Structure formats: structure tokens, C-alpha cells
Amino acid sequence: MKVRRAWRPAQLVERRRETESASTLVLEVTDWPGHLAGQHIDVRLTALDGYQAARSYSLAAPTNGDRIEITVQRVPDGEVSSYLVGEARDCDTVEVRGPVGGWFVWQPADTAPVLLVAGGSGVVPLMAMIRSRGAVSSTPFRLIYSVRTPRIGSTTMNFAVVRLRTVGSTSRFFTPVGRPRASRVRSGG
């Protein structure tokens, strides 16, 4: 897959609120070359005075024609994330470059079992892998995901959550606080 180094316009066509501070943005990019689950893009904003700011965001879903999805976590005082999560409106345009990266990708031809480990917004490229798998493969996947609140893991992911793990949790739905042990990973608890 050829990496596109040129900046191209991308129009916001849909926004889904994932959490209080994160949203998934669906962008329309004319002649999008496609991407692999696990790749990312660079997003650039340009102010009226010419000032530019760019940040990298993981692609959150499999290739879907000219539409791409990124999930953005608002960072306090973040120039780009604050705009994307809080201010951008449907039909607004940003610039994108990519897809970028090829070292941490999953392809449908890969049949070996996969163990995915993430915390917080680090789950975004892994969700692209899970969504890609669901469409074309029966490769066994296991996700270990650390979250601060159960709502994040149970309502925004489109699959059943067996266990969640978090620091300081007192909920009976979480595994005990501490380091994951191999036996817990194998058993799902």
C-alpha cells in the first residue's frame, strides 16, 4: 500500500460521541487509497491567519470507500483535539495525510490468534483491527483493556465485554486491582 504524503481535504460528515471527552469523526476524503487496521493519519488545521497545527490520529475502522474514521480524545488545552471534539461541525473541512505506518497492522490473511492490550484511547487502532476481523475472519482475538469507568468499555464497543480492569476499582464487575497474571489472561478473568 502506497503512503500518500500530500495533504488532502477531508470533510466531516458524521460525529459520534463515545465518552464525555472523546468523539469518533467520520471524514470523507476523495480518492482515499484505503488503509490497514492499525495505521494512522495526520490531521492538519489551518487558522485564518495561516497558523497551522497537525496531530496524528489512529484510524478507528476498516477501509470504507472514501470514508475514514478517527476517534479523538480531547486533551486539556489541546489545539487540535479541542477543535475536533468540541467545535468542528458537519461539512467542516480539515486536511489529512496518510495512511501512515505499517509495523503494527492486522491483515485478514493473518490467522494466528491475536492478543490485544490497551489502555484508554490506546484502544482505537485495536478497535479497527477488531472491526476488520469481524467483517472477514474468524481469527481468535482477545482484548485486555484498562479503563477508568465501566461505561467506556461496555457501551461504546460493539461486542460483549467479559471483564474490565482498572486502577482503584471497587466494583464487583472488575477483576482485582494489580498486575495481570498469565492465568487470568488465559481464563478471561
C-alpha atoms as a PDB file:
ATOM      1  CA  MET A   1       0.000   0.000   0.000  1.00  0.00           C
ATOM      2  CA  LYS A   2       1.449   3.324  -1.045  1.00  0.00           C
ATOM      3  CA  VAL A   3       1.663   6.040   1.606  1.00  0.00           C
ATOM      4  CA  ARG A   4       0.244   9.363   0.490  1.00  0.00           C
ATOM      5  CA  ARG A   5       2.494  12.207   1.605  1.00  0.00           C
ATOM      6  CA  ALA A   6       0.380  15.017   0.159  1.00  0.00           C
ATOM      7  CA  TRP A   7      -2.195  16.821   2.276  1.00  0.00           C
ATOM      8  CA  ARG A   8      -5.760  16.305   1.059  1.00  0.00           C
ATOM      9  CA  PRO A   9      -9.067  17.884   2.115  1.00  0.00           C
ATOM     10  CA  ALA A  10     -11.339  15.816   4.346  1.00  0.00           C
ATOM     11  CA  GLN A  11     -14.902  16.834   5.121  1.00  0.00           C
ATOM     12  CA  LEU A  12     -16.594  15.967   8.407  1.00  0.00           C
ATOM     13  CA  VAL A  13     -19.758  14.001   7.583  1.00  0.00           C
ATOM     14  CA  GLU A  14     -20.645  12.424  10.937  1.00  0.00           C
ATOM     15  CA  ARG A  15     -19.733  12.624  14.607  1.00  0.00           C
ATOM     16  CA  ARG A  16     -20.436  10.019  17.303  1.00  0.00           C
ATOM     17  CA  ARG A  17     -19.876  10.885  20.937  1.00  0.00           C
ATOM     18  CA  GLU A  18     -18.031   7.996  22.572  1.00  0.00           C
ATOM     19  CA  THR A  19     -17.428   9.445  26.042  1.00  0.00           C
ATOM     20  CA  GLU A  20     -17.679  12.838  27.668  1.00  0.00           C
ATOM     21  CA  SER A  21     -14.289  13.776  26.245  1.00  0.00           C
ATOM     22  CA  ALA A  22     -13.998  11.654  23.091  1.00  0.00           C
ATOM     23  CA  SER A  23     -15.771  11.529  19.737  1.00  0.00           C
ATOM     24  CA  THR A  24     -15.460   9.429  16.612  1.00  0.00           C
ATOM     25  CA  LEU A  25     -15.330  11.593  13.496  1.00  0.00           C
ATOM     26  CA  VAL A  26     -16.241  10.222  10.083  1.00  0.00           C
ATOM     27  CA  LEU A  27     -14.381  12.097   7.349  1.00  0.00           C
ATOM     28  CA  GLU A  28     -14.959  11.951   3.599  1.00  0.00           C
ATOM     29  CA  VAL A  29     -11.669  12.002   1.653  1.00  0.00           C
ATOM     30  CA  THR A  30     -11.927  11.999  -2.134  1.00  0.00           C
ATOM     31  CA  ASP A  31      -9.914   9.153  -3.705  1.00  0.00           C
ATOM     32  CA  TRP A  32      -8.901   7.657  -0.342  1.00  0.00           C
ATOM     33  CA  PRO A  33      -6.343   4.921  -1.173  1.00  0.00           C
ATOM     34  CA  GLY A  34      -7.523   2.564   1.586  1.00  0.00           C
ATOM     35  CA  HIS A  35      -5.695   1.558   4.755  1.00  0.00           C
ATOM     36  CA  LEU A  36      -4.885  -1.356   7.019  1.00  0.00           C
ATOM     37  CA  ALA A  37      -6.225  -1.754  10.546  1.00  0.00           C
ATOM     38  CA  GLY A  38      -3.604  -0.248  12.856  1.00  0.00           C
ATOM     39  CA  GLN A  39      -2.488   2.599  10.592  1.00  0.00           C
ATOM     40  CA  HIS A  40      -2.920   6.281  11.374  1.00  0.00           C
ATOM     41  CA  ILE A  41      -3.300   9.630   9.623  1.00  0.00           C
ATOM     42  CA  ASP A  42      -2.008  13.127  10.222  1.00  0.00           C
ATOM     43  CA  VAL A  43      -4.709  15.788  10.602  1.00  0.00           C
ATOM     44  CA  ARG A  44      -3.856  19.435   9.955  1.00  0.00           C
ATOM     45  CA  LEU A  45      -5.862  22.535  10.849  1.00  0.00           C
ATOM     46  CA  THR A  46      -5.157  25.930   9.310  1.00  0.00           C
ATOM     47  CA  ALA A  47      -6.338  29.136  11.016  1.00  0.00           C
ATOM     48  CA  LEU A  48      -7.499  32.200   9.091  1.00  0.00           C
ATOM     49  CA  ASP A  49      -4.145  33.891   9.804  1.00  0.00           C
ATOM     50  CA  GLY A  50      -2.245  30.949   8.263  1.00  0.00           C
ATOM     51  CA  TYR A  51      -1.161  29.315  11.542  1.00  0.00           C
ATOM     52  CA  GLN A  52      -1.146  25.513  11.214  1.00  0.00           C
ATOM     53  CA  ALA A  53      -1.248  22.691  13.751  1.00  0.00           C
ATOM     54  CA  ALA A  54      -1.065  18.977  12.944  1.00  0.00           C
ATOM     55  CA  ARG A  55      -1.545  15.844  15.042  1.00  0.00           C
ATOM     56  CA  SER A  56      -1.584  12.102  14.356  1.00  0.00           C
ATOM     57  CA  TYR A  57      -4.708  10.016  15.000  1.00  0.00           C
ATOM     58  CA  SER A  58      -5.233   6.285  14.666  1.00  0.00           C
ATOM     59  CA  LEU A  59      -7.787   5.102  12.154  1.00  0.00           C
ATOM     60  CA  ALA A  60     -10.688   3.607  14.117  1.00  0.00           C
ATOM     61  CA  ALA A  61     -12.420   1.456  11.494  1.00  0.00           C
ATOM     62  CA  PRO A  62     -11.679  -0.662   8.422  1.00  0.00           C
ATOM     63  CA  THR A  63     -11.444   0.881   4.967  1.00  0.00           C
ATOM     64  CA  ASN A  64     -14.867   2.020   3.743  1.00  0.00           C
ATOM     65  CA  GLY A  65     -14.537   3.632   0.323  1.00  0.00           C
ATOM     66  CA  ASP A  66     -13.729   7.328   0.688  1.00  0.00           C
ATOM     67  CA  ARG A  67     -14.792   7.450   4.354  1.00  0.00           C
ATOM     68  CA  ILE A  68     -12.365   7.167   7.245  1.00  0.00           C
ATOM     69  CA  GLU A  69     -12.975   7.251  10.989  1.00  0.00           C
ATOM     70  CA  ILE A  70     -10.799   8.594  13.777  1.00  0.00           C
ATOM     71  CA  THR A  71     -11.599   8.641  17.477  1.00  0.00           C
ATOM     72  CA  VAL A  72     -10.239  11.731  19.193  1.00  0.00           C
ATOM     73  CA  GLN A  73      -9.788  12.177  22.947  1.00  0.00           C
ATOM     74  CA  ARG A  74      -9.947  15.858  23.920  1.00  0.00           C
ATOM     75  CA  VAL A  75      -6.722  16.907  25.636  1.00  0.00           C
ATOM     76  CA  PRO A  76      -6.991  19.834  28.071  1.00  0.00           C
ATOM     77  CA  ASP A  77      -5.700  22.924  26.228  1.00  0.00           C
ATOM     78  CA  GLY A  78      -5.150  20.786  23.115  1.00  0.00           C
ATOM     79  CA  GLU A  79      -5.176  22.888  19.949  1.00  0.00           C
ATOM     80  CA  VAL A  80      -6.322  20.192  17.556  1.00  0.00           C
ATOM     81  CA  SER A  81      -8.236  17.776  19.799  1.00  0.00           C
ATOM     82  CA  SER A  82     -10.304  20.564  21.396  1.00  0.00           C
ATOM     83  CA  TYR A  83     -11.381  21.784  17.961  1.00  0.00           C
ATOM     84  CA  LEU A  84     -12.138  18.301  16.586  1.00  0.00           C
ATOM     85  CA  VAL A  85     -14.108  17.125  19.629  1.00  0.00           C
ATOM     86  CA  GLY A  86     -15.797  20.371  20.635  1.00  0.00           C
ATOM     87  CA  GLU A  87     -16.023  22.815  17.751  1.00  0.00           C
ATOM     88  CA  ALA A  88     -15.908  21.074  14.359  1.00  0.00           C
ATOM     89  CA  ARG A  89     -19.305  20.820  12.653  1.00  0.00           C
ATOM     90  CA  ASP A  90     -20.678  18.695   9.822  1.00  0.00           C
ATOM     91  CA  CYS A  91     -19.309  19.867   6.463  1.00  0.00           C
ATOM     92  CA  ASP A  92     -16.226  21.493   8.085  1.00  0.00           C
ATOM     93  CA  THR A  93     -13.013  20.634   6.259  1.00  0.00           C
ATOM     94  CA  VAL A  94      -9.615  19.671   7.643  1.00  0.00           C
ATOM     95  CA  GLU A  95      -6.564  18.318   5.832  1.00  0.00           C
ATOM     96  CA  VAL A  96      -5.305  14.745   6.167  1.00  0.00           C
ATOM     97  CA  ARG A  97      -2.158  12.908   5.123  1.00  0.00           C
ATOM     98  CA  GLY A  98      -1.763   9.172   5.048  1.00  0.00           C
ATOM     99  CA  PRO A  99      -2.317   6.405   5.709  1.00  0.00           C
ATOM    100  CA  VAL A 100       0.890   6.157   7.717  1.00  0.00           C
ATOM    101  CA  GLY A 101       2.528   3.229   9.499  1.00  0.00           C
ATOM    102  CA  GLY A 102       2.846  -0.420   8.704  1.00  0.00           C
ATOM    103  CA  TRP A 103       4.607  -2.023  11.657  1.00  0.00           C
ATOM    104  CA  PHE A 104       1.555  -2.550  13.858  1.00  0.00           C
ATOM    105  CA  VAL A 105      -1.192  -3.654  11.497  1.00  0.00           C
ATOM    106  CA  TRP A 106      -3.520  -6.625  11.194  1.00  0.00           C
ATOM    107  CA  GLN A 107      -4.445  -8.136   7.859  1.00  0.00           C
ATOM    108  CA  PRO A 108      -7.269 -10.619   7.200  1.00  0.00           C
ATOM    109  CA  ALA A 109      -4.760 -13.147   5.866  1.00  0.00           C
ATOM    110  CA  ASP A 110      -3.245 -13.371   9.382  1.00  0.00           C
ATOM    111  CA  THR A 111      -4.793 -16.465  11.003  1.00  0.00           C
ATOM    112  CA  ALA A 112      -2.752 -16.790  14.208  1.00  0.00           C
ATOM    113  CA  PRO A 113      -4.615 -15.949  17.454  1.00  0.00           C
ATOM    114  CA  VAL A 114      -4.218 -12.300  18.470  1.00  0.00           C
ATOM    115  CA  LEU A 115      -3.813 -10.808  21.948  1.00  0.00           C
ATOM    116  CA  LEU A 116      -4.530  -7.068  22.049  1.00  0.00           C
ATOM    117  CA  VAL A 117      -3.612  -4.981  25.119  1.00  0.00           C
ATOM    118  CA  ALA A 118      -4.617  -1.336  25.533  1.00  0.00           C
ATOM    119  CA  GLY A 119      -5.487   1.370  27.990  1.00  0.00           C
ATOM    120  CA  GLY A 120      -7.687   4.404  27.472  1.00  0.00           C
ATOM    121  CA  SER A 121      -7.604   5.896  23.987  1.00  0.00           C
ATOM    122  CA  GLY A 122      -4.885   3.397  23.001  1.00  0.00           C
ATOM    123  CA  VAL A 123      -7.728   1.047  22.126  1.00  0.00           C
ATOM    124  CA  VAL A 124      -8.556   2.981  18.923  1.00  0.00           C
ATOM    125  CA  PRO A 125      -6.241   1.141  16.478  1.00  0.00           C
ATOM    126  CA  LEU A 126      -7.125  -2.152  18.167  1.00  0.00           C
ATOM    127  CA  MET A 127     -10.821  -1.462  17.573  1.00  0.00           C
ATOM    128  CA  ALA A 128     -10.028  -1.008  13.878  1.00  0.00           C
ATOM    129  CA  MET A 129      -8.449  -4.472  13.961  1.00  0.00           C
ATOM    130  CA  ILE A 130     -11.431  -5.980  15.793  1.00  0.00           C
ATOM    131  CA  ARG A 131     -13.882  -4.357  13.371  1.00  0.00           C
ATOM    132  CA  SER A 132     -11.818  -5.538  10.385  1.00  0.00           C
ATOM    133  CA  ARG A 133     -11.739  -9.074  11.747  1.00  0.00           C
ATOM    134  CA  GLY A 134     -15.487  -9.137  12.337  1.00  0.00           C
ATOM    135  CA  ALA A 135     -16.147  -8.483   8.688  1.00  0.00           C
ATOM    136  CA  VAL A 136     -13.844 -11.072   7.108  1.00  0.00           C
ATOM    137  CA  SER A 137     -12.188 -13.505   9.510  1.00  0.00           C
ATOM    138  CA  SER A 138     -12.718 -15.926  12.371  1.00  0.00           C
ATOM    139  CA  THR A 139      -9.206 -15.434  13.754  1.00  0.00           C
ATOM    140  CA  PRO A 140      -9.387 -15.666  17.569  1.00  0.00           C
ATOM    141  CA  PHE A 141      -8.909 -12.253  19.218  1.00  0.00           C
ATOM    142  CA  ARG A 142      -8.627 -11.445  22.910  1.00  0.00           C
ATOM    143  CA  LEU A 143      -8.648  -7.844  24.146  1.00  0.00           C
ATOM    144  CA  ILE A 144      -7.305  -6.783  27.526  1.00  0.00           C
ATOM    145  CA  TYR A 145      -8.402  -3.211  28.048  1.00  0.00           C
ATOM    146  CA  SER A 146      -7.853  -0.958  31.051  1.00  0.00           C
ATOM    147  CA  VAL A 147     -10.460   1.745  31.634  1.00  0.00           C
ATOM    148  CA  ARG A 148     -11.353   4.167  34.416  1.00  0.00           C
ATOM    149  CA  THR A 149     -15.108   3.606  34.273  1.00  0.00           C
ATOM    150  CA  PRO A 150     -17.139   0.600  33.127  1.00  0.00           C
ATOM    151  CA  ARG A 151     -19.299   2.772  30.822  1.00  0.00           C
ATOM    152  CA  ILE A 152     -16.376   3.336  28.499  1.00  0.00           C
ATOM    153  CA  GLY A 153     -15.801  -0.341  27.879  1.00  0.00           C
ATOM    154  CA  SER A 154     -19.329  -1.628  27.842  1.00  0.00           C
ATOM    155  CA  THR A 155     -21.412   0.834  25.836  1.00  0.00           C
ATOM    156  CA  THR A 156     -19.126   2.006  23.086  1.00  0.00           C
ATOM    157  CA  MET A 157     -17.576  -1.243  21.909  1.00  0.00           C
ATOM    158  CA  ASN A 158     -19.749  -3.349  19.658  1.00  0.00           C
ATOM    159  CA  PHE A 159     -19.015  -6.662  21.367  1.00  0.00           C
ATOM    160  CA  ALA A 160     -19.584  -8.221  24.755  1.00  0.00           C
ATOM    161  CA  VAL A 161     -17.183  -7.198  27.499  1.00  0.00           C
ATOM    162  CA  VAL A 162     -16.357 -10.127  29.754  1.00  0.00           C
ATOM    163  CA  ARG A 163     -14.062  -8.366  32.217  1.00  0.00           C
ATOM    164  CA  LEU A 164     -12.647  -4.912  32.723  1.00  0.00           C
ATOM    165  CA  ARG A 165      -9.626  -3.952  34.746  1.00  0.00           C
ATOM    166  CA  THR A 166      -8.942  -0.595  36.293  1.00  0.00           C
ATOM    167  CA  VAL A 167      -6.851   1.019  38.986  1.00  0.00           C
ATOM    168  CA  GLY A 168      -8.797   1.754  42.150  1.00  0.00           C
ATOM    169  CA  SER A 169     -11.960  -0.080  41.131  1.00  0.00           C
ATOM    170  CA  THR A 170     -14.230  -1.327  43.877  1.00  0.00           C
ATOM    171  CA  SER A 171     -16.889  -2.684  41.545  1.00  0.00           C
ATOM    172  CA  ARG A 172     -17.597  -6.421  41.641  1.00  0.00           C
ATOM    173  CA  PHE A 173     -17.579  -6.362  37.824  1.00  0.00           C
ATOM    174  CA  PHE A 174     -13.855  -5.713  37.674  1.00  0.00           C
ATOM    175  CA  THR A 175     -11.023  -8.118  38.224  1.00  0.00           C
ATOM    176  CA  PRO A 176      -8.925  -7.356  41.299  1.00  0.00           C
ATOM    177  CA  VAL A 177      -6.571  -4.405  41.062  1.00  0.00           C
ATOM    178  CA  GLY A 178      -2.991  -5.382  40.331  1.00  0.00           C
ATOM    179  CA  ARG A 179      -0.853  -6.832  37.621  1.00  0.00           C
ATOM    180  CA  PRO A 180      -2.478  -9.175  35.123  1.00  0.00           C
ATOM    181  CA  ARG A 181      -1.394 -12.775  35.668  1.00  0.00           C
ATOM    182  CA  ALA A 182      -0.998 -15.263  32.829  1.00  0.00           C
ATOM    183  CA  SER A 183      -3.718 -17.485  34.324  1.00  0.00           C
ATOM    184  CA  ARG A 184      -6.197 -14.574  34.338  1.00  0.00           C
ATOM    185  CA  VAL A 185      -5.393 -13.681  30.733  1.00  0.00           C
ATOM    186  CA  ARG A 186      -5.877 -17.318  29.615  1.00  0.00           C
ATOM    187  CA  SER A 187      -9.170 -17.714  31.507  1.00  0.00           C
ATOM    188  CA  GLY A 188     -10.589 -14.281  30.650  1.00  0.00           C
ATOM    189  CA  GLY A 189     -10.677 -13.187  34.278  1.00  0.00           C
END
